[in-house]
Amino acid sequence: MATLDSLAVSGVPVQHRGELPRVSEQLRGLNGLQDLGELHQVTDLVAPVTGLLPAVES
């Protein structure tokens, strides 16, 4: 990860490197998206039982 972080900022002037998010930080953020997907699977299962789905009008 450190190698990716250093490559990502290699063309950026030193004084501006701290302004950019690190690649490793961005990848950790993607792990949070996976957690949200798992949460969505659970809420899809319980939504009909708890009445969270809007009523379907025919």
PDB file of N, CA and C in Angstrom:
ATOM      1  N   MET A   1       0.812  -1.189   0.000  1.00  0.00           N
ATOM      2  CA  MET A   1       0.000   0.000   0.000  1.00  0.00           C
ATOM      3  C   MET A   1       0.859   1.258   0.000  1.00  0.00           C
ATOM      4  N   ALA A   2       1.932   1.224   0.745  1.00  0.00           N
ATOM      5  CA  ALA A   2       2.810   2.399   0.804  1.00  0.00           C
ATOM      6  C   ALA A   2       3.360   2.722  -0.581  1.00  0.00           C
ATOM      7  N   THR A   3       3.645   1.694  -1.366  1.00  0.00           N
ATOM      8  CA  THR A   3       4.152   1.914  -2.720  1.00  0.00           C
ATOM      9  C   THR A   3       3.100   2.601  -3.577  1.00  0.00           C
ATOM     10  N   LEU A   4       1.856   2.158  -3.477  1.00  0.00           N
ATOM     11  CA  LEU A   4       0.773   2.798  -4.232  1.00  0.00           C
ATOM     12  C   LEU A   4       0.588   4.250  -3.810  1.00  0.00           C
ATOM     13  N   ASP A   5       0.642   4.481  -2.510  1.00  0.00           N
ATOM     14  CA  ASP A   5       0.504   5.855  -2.015  1.00  0.00           C
ATOM     15  C   ASP A   5       1.606   6.755  -2.561  1.00  0.00           C
ATOM     16  N   SER A   6       2.837   6.254  -2.556  1.00  0.00           N
ATOM     17  CA  SER A   6       3.945   7.091  -3.035  1.00  0.00           C
ATOM     18  C   SER A   6       3.891   7.295  -4.545  1.00  0.00           C
ATOM     19  N   LEU A   7       3.475   6.285  -5.292  1.00  0.00           N
ATOM     20  CA  LEU A   7       3.343   6.448  -6.746  1.00  0.00           C
ATOM     21  C   LEU A   7       2.244   7.443  -7.101  1.00  0.00           C
ATOM     22  N   ALA A   8       1.175   7.426  -6.339  1.00  0.00           N
ATOM     23  CA  ALA A   8       0.040   8.302  -6.634  1.00  0.00           C
ATOM     24  C   ALA A   8       0.404   9.773  -6.506  1.00  0.00           C
ATOM     25  N   VAL A   9       1.341  10.106  -5.630  1.00  0.00           N
ATOM     26  CA  VAL A   9       1.698  11.511  -5.422  1.00  0.00           C
ATOM     27  C   VAL A   9       3.037  11.879  -6.049  1.00  0.00           C
ATOM     28  N   SER A  10       3.624  10.963  -6.800  1.00  0.00           N
ATOM     29  CA  SER A  10       4.968  11.212  -7.335  1.00  0.00           C
ATOM     30  C   SER A  10       5.032  12.426  -8.251  1.00  0.00           C
ATOM     31  N   GLY A  11       3.969  12.753  -8.964  1.00  0.00           N
ATOM     32  CA  GLY A  11       3.986  13.904  -9.862  1.00  0.00           C
ATOM     33  C   GLY A  11       3.413  15.164  -9.252  1.00  0.00           C
ATOM     34  N   VAL A  12       3.066  15.104  -7.979  1.00  0.00           N
ATOM     35  CA  VAL A  12       2.447  16.241  -7.300  1.00  0.00           C
ATOM     36  C   VAL A  12       3.526  16.989  -6.514  1.00  0.00           C
ATOM     37  N   PRO A  13       3.542  18.310  -6.606  1.00  0.00           N
ATOM     38  CA  PRO A  13       4.531  19.074  -5.829  1.00  0.00           C
ATOM     39  C   PRO A  13       4.412  18.763  -4.330  1.00  0.00           C
ATOM     40  N   VAL A  14       5.545  18.736  -3.665  1.00  0.00           N
ATOM     41  CA  VAL A  14       5.613  18.349  -2.253  1.00  0.00           C
ATOM     42  C   VAL A  14       4.651  19.166  -1.393  1.00  0.00           C
ATOM     43  N   GLN A  15       4.559  20.461  -1.636  1.00  0.00           N
ATOM     44  CA  GLN A  15       3.714  21.306  -0.798  1.00  0.00           C
ATOM     45  C   GLN A  15       2.221  20.999  -0.928  1.00  0.00           C
ATOM     46  N   HIS A  16       1.821  20.252  -1.965  1.00  0.00           N
ATOM     47  CA  HIS A  16       0.404  19.936  -2.175  1.00  0.00           C
ATOM     48  C   HIS A  16       0.063  18.479  -1.885  1.00  0.00           C
ATOM     49  N   ARG A  17       1.024  17.665  -1.577  1.00  0.00           N
ATOM     50  CA  ARG A  17       0.775  16.233  -1.368  1.00  0.00           C
ATOM     51  C   ARG A  17      -0.166  15.954  -0.208  1.00  0.00           C
ATOM     52  N   GLY A  18      -0.099  16.751   0.824  1.00  0.00           N
ATOM     53  CA  GLY A  18      -0.973  16.545   1.969  1.00  0.00           C
ATOM     54  C   GLY A  18      -2.438  16.838   1.688  1.00  0.00           C
ATOM     55  N   GLU A  19      -2.725  17.510   0.586  1.00  0.00           N
ATOM     56  CA  GLU A  19      -4.098  17.862   0.228  1.00  0.00           C
ATOM     57  C   GLU A  19      -4.836  16.715  -0.450  1.00  0.00           C
ATOM     58  N   LEU A  20      -4.104  15.727  -0.918  1.00  0.00           N
ATOM     59  CA  LEU A  20      -4.715  14.617  -1.643  1.00  0.00           C
ATOM     60  C   LEU A  20      -4.978  13.437  -0.723  1.00  0.00           C
ATOM     61  N   PRO A  21      -6.126  12.770  -0.897  1.00  0.00           N
ATOM     62  CA  PRO A  21      -6.361  11.556  -0.104  1.00  0.00           C
ATOM     63  C   PRO A  21      -5.441  10.445  -0.588  1.00  0.00           C
ATOM     64  N   ARG A  22      -4.957   9.649   0.325  1.00  0.00           N
ATOM     65  CA  ARG A  22      -4.085   8.536  -0.044  1.00  0.00           C
ATOM     66  C   ARG A  22      -4.898   7.416  -0.685  1.00  0.00           C
ATOM     67  N   VAL A  23      -4.263   6.660  -1.554  1.00  0.00           N
ATOM     68  CA  VAL A  23      -4.920   5.520  -2.196  1.00  0.00           C
ATOM     69  C   VAL A  23      -5.381   4.534  -1.129  1.00  0.00           C
ATOM     70  N   SER A  24      -4.558   4.300  -0.122  1.00  0.00           N
ATOM     71  CA  SER A  24      -4.917   3.358   0.935  1.00  0.00           C
ATOM     72  C   SER A  24      -6.172   3.811   1.678  1.00  0.00           C
ATOM     73  N   GLU A  25      -6.339   5.111   1.891  1.00  0.00           N
ATOM     74  CA  GLU A  25      -7.541   5.628   2.547  1.00  0.00           C
ATOM     75  C   GLU A  25      -8.773   5.412   1.682  1.00  0.00           C
ATOM     76  N   GLN A  26      -8.613   5.615   0.384  1.00  0.00           N
ATOM     77  CA  GLN A  26      -9.735   5.432  -0.529  1.00  0.00           C
ATOM     78  C   GLN A  26     -10.154   3.973  -0.587  1.00  0.00           C
ATOM     79  N   LEU A  27      -9.186   3.068  -0.584  1.00  0.00           N
ATOM     80  CA  LEU A  27      -9.512   1.648  -0.615  1.00  0.00           C
ATOM     81  C   LEU A  27     -10.203   1.204   0.672  1.00  0.00           C
ATOM     82  N   ARG A  28      -9.786   1.769   1.809  1.00  0.00           N
ATOM     83  CA  ARG A  28     -10.468   1.457   3.068  1.00  0.00           C
ATOM     84  C   ARG A  28     -11.914   1.939   3.008  1.00  0.00           C
ATOM     85  N   GLY A  29     -12.154   3.049   2.338  1.00  0.00           N
ATOM     86  CA  GLY A  29     -13.514   3.548   2.174  1.00  0.00           C
ATOM     87  C   GLY A  29     -14.381   2.602   1.370  1.00  0.00           C
ATOM     88  N   LEU A  30     -13.776   1.915   0.415  1.00  0.00           N
ATOM     89  CA  LEU A  30     -14.540   0.941  -0.372  1.00  0.00           C
ATOM     90  C   LEU A  30     -14.992  -0.240   0.476  1.00  0.00           C
ATOM     91  N   ASN A  31     -14.236  -0.578   1.498  1.00  0.00           N
ATOM     92  CA  ASN A  31     -14.658  -1.646   2.402  1.00  0.00           C
ATOM     93  C   ASN A  31     -15.973  -1.278   3.076  1.00  0.00           C
ATOM     94  N   GLY A  32     -16.176  -0.006   3.347  1.00  0.00           N
ATOM     95  CA  GLY A  32     -17.436   0.445   3.931  1.00  0.00           C
ATOM     96  C   GLY A  32     -18.609   0.231   2.990  1.00  0.00           C
ATOM     97  N   LEU A  33     -18.375   0.337   1.690  1.00  0.00           N
ATOM     98  CA  LEU A  33     -19.440   0.091   0.717  1.00  0.00           C
ATOM     99  C   LEU A  33     -19.886  -1.356   0.747  1.00  0.00           C
ATOM    100  N   GLN A  34     -18.954  -2.258   0.945  1.00  0.00           N
ATOM    101  CA  GLN A  34     -19.310  -3.675   1.045  1.00  0.00           C
ATOM    102  C   GLN A  34     -20.206  -3.894   2.258  1.00  0.00           C
ATOM    103  N   ASP A  35     -19.887  -3.236   3.371  1.00  0.00           N
ATOM    104  CA  ASP A  35     -20.717  -3.345   4.567  1.00  0.00           C
ATOM    105  C   ASP A  35     -22.123  -2.833   4.300  1.00  0.00           C
ATOM    106  N   LEU A  36     -22.247  -1.742   3.542  1.00  0.00           N
ATOM    107  CA  LEU A  36     -23.567  -1.213   3.207  1.00  0.00           C
ATOM    108  C   LEU A  36     -24.357  -2.195   2.351  1.00  0.00           C
ATOM    109  N   GLY A  37     -23.676  -2.884   1.449  1.00  0.00           N
ATOM    110  CA  GLY A  37     -24.341  -3.882   0.620  1.00  0.00           C
ATOM    111  C   GLY A  37     -24.890  -5.019   1.452  1.00  0.00           C
ATOM    112  N   GLU A  38     -24.126  -5.437   2.455  1.00  0.00           N
ATOM    113  CA  GLU A  38     -24.593  -6.496   3.346  1.00  0.00           C
ATOM    114  C   GLU A  38     -25.786  -6.021   4.169  1.00  0.00           C
ATOM    115  N   LEU A  39     -25.754  -4.772   4.622  1.00  0.00           N
ATOM    116  CA  LEU A  39     -26.869  -4.209   5.366  1.00  0.00           C
ATOM    117  C   LEU A  39     -28.117  -4.163   4.490  1.00  0.00           C
ATOM    118  N   HIS A  40     -27.940  -3.788   3.229  1.00  0.00           N
ATOM    119  CA  HIS A  40     -29.065  -3.725   2.297  1.00  0.00           C
ATOM    120  C   HIS A  40     -29.711  -5.098   2.133  1.00  0.00           C
ATOM    121  N   GLN A  41     -28.907  -6.149   2.091  1.00  0.00           N
ATOM    122  CA  GLN A  41     -29.456  -7.496   1.971  1.00  0.00           C
ATOM    123  C   GLN A  41     -30.336  -7.830   3.172  1.00  0.00           C
ATOM    124  N   VAL A  42     -29.907  -7.440   4.348  1.00  0.00           N
ATOM    125  CA  VAL A  42     -30.683  -7.720   5.556  1.00  0.00           C
ATOM    126  C   VAL A  42     -31.971  -6.908   5.573  1.00  0.00           C
ATOM    127  N   THR A  43     -31.879  -5.622   5.225  1.00  0.00           N
ATOM    128  CA  THR A  43     -33.085  -4.792   5.251  1.00  0.00           C
ATOM    129  C   THR A  43     -34.083  -5.236   4.196  1.00  0.00           C
ATOM    130  N   ASP A  44     -33.611  -5.761   3.074  1.00  0.00           N
ATOM    131  CA  ASP A  44     -34.530  -6.276   2.059  1.00  0.00           C
ATOM    132  C   ASP A  44     -35.318  -7.467   2.590  1.00  0.00           C
ATOM    133  N   LEU A  45     -34.693  -8.268   3.438  1.00  0.00           N
ATOM    134  CA  LEU A  45     -35.376  -9.432   3.988  1.00  0.00           C
ATOM    135  C   LEU A  45     -36.438  -9.053   5.011  1.00  0.00           C
ATOM    136  N   VAL A  46     -36.174  -8.053   5.824  1.00  0.00           N
ATOM    137  CA  VAL A  46     -37.109  -7.718   6.896  1.00  0.00           C
ATOM    138  C   VAL A  46     -38.098  -6.622   6.518  1.00  0.00           C
ATOM    139  N   ALA A  47     -37.882  -5.930   5.421  1.00  0.00           N
ATOM    140  CA  ALA A  47     -38.763  -4.825   5.042  1.00  0.00           C
ATOM    141  C   ALA A  47     -40.224  -5.250   4.904  1.00  0.00           C
ATOM    142  N   PRO A  48     -40.539  -6.362   4.246  1.00  0.00           N
ATOM    143  CA  PRO A  48     -41.958  -6.739   4.132  1.00  0.00           C
ATOM    144  C   PRO A  48     -42.595  -7.017   5.502  1.00  0.00           C
ATOM    145  N   VAL A  49     -41.829  -7.545   6.410  1.00  0.00           N
ATOM    146  CA  VAL A  49     -42.346  -7.891   7.731  1.00  0.00           C
ATOM    147  C   VAL A  49     -42.596  -6.636   8.557  1.00  0.00           C
ATOM    148  N   THR A  50     -41.730  -5.683   8.445  1.00  0.00           N
ATOM    149  CA  THR A  50     -41.842  -4.466   9.275  1.00  0.00           C
ATOM    150  C   THR A  50     -42.685  -3.381   8.620  1.00  0.00           C
ATOM    151  N   GLY A  51     -43.151  -3.601   7.402  1.00  0.00           N
ATOM    152  CA  GLY A  51     -43.972  -2.609   6.733  1.00  0.00           C
ATOM    153  C   GLY A  51     -43.201  -1.420   6.193  1.00  0.00           C
ATOM    154  N   LEU A  52     -41.917  -1.596   5.930  1.00  0.00           N
ATOM    155  CA  LEU A  52     -41.110  -0.495   5.431  1.00  0.00           C
ATOM    156  C   LEU A  52     -41.295  -0.255   3.932  1.00  0.00           C
ATOM    157  N   LEU A  53     -41.870  -1.219   3.256  1.00  0.00           N
ATOM    158  CA  LEU A  53     -42.096  -1.048   1.815  1.00  0.00           C
ATOM    159  C   LEU A  53     -43.375  -0.258   1.597  1.00  0.00           C
ATOM    160  N   PRO A  54     -43.397   0.604   0.610  1.00  0.00           N
ATOM    161  CA  PRO A  54     -44.636   1.341   0.318  1.00  0.00           C
ATOM    162  C   PRO A  54     -45.723   0.382  -0.174  1.00  0.00           C
ATOM    163  N   ALA A  55     -46.915   0.720   0.106  1.00  0.00           N
ATOM    164  CA  ALA A  55     -48.039  -0.124  -0.332  1.00  0.00           C
ATOM    165  C   ALA A  55     -48.119  -0.098  -1.849  1.00  0.00           C
ATOM    166  N   VAL A  56     -48.384  -1.247  -2.431  1.00  0.00           N
ATOM    167  CA  VAL A  56     -48.513  -1.348  -3.880  1.00  0.00           C
ATOM    168  C   VAL A  56     -49.987  -1.193  -4.233  1.00  0.00           C
ATOM    169  N   GLU A  57     -50.286  -0.175  -5.013  1.00  0.00           N
ATOM    170  CA  GLU A  57     -51.660   0.097  -5.415  1.00  0.00           C
ATOM    171  C   GLU A  57     -51.924  -0.551  -6.761  1.00  0.00           C
ATOM    172  N   SER A  58     -53.076  -1.173  -6.900  1.00  0.00           N
ATOM    173  CA  SER A  58     -53.402  -1.774  -8.193  1.00  0.00           C
ATOM    174  C   SER A  58     -54.590  -1.136  -8.830  1.00  0.00           C
TER     175      SER A  58
END
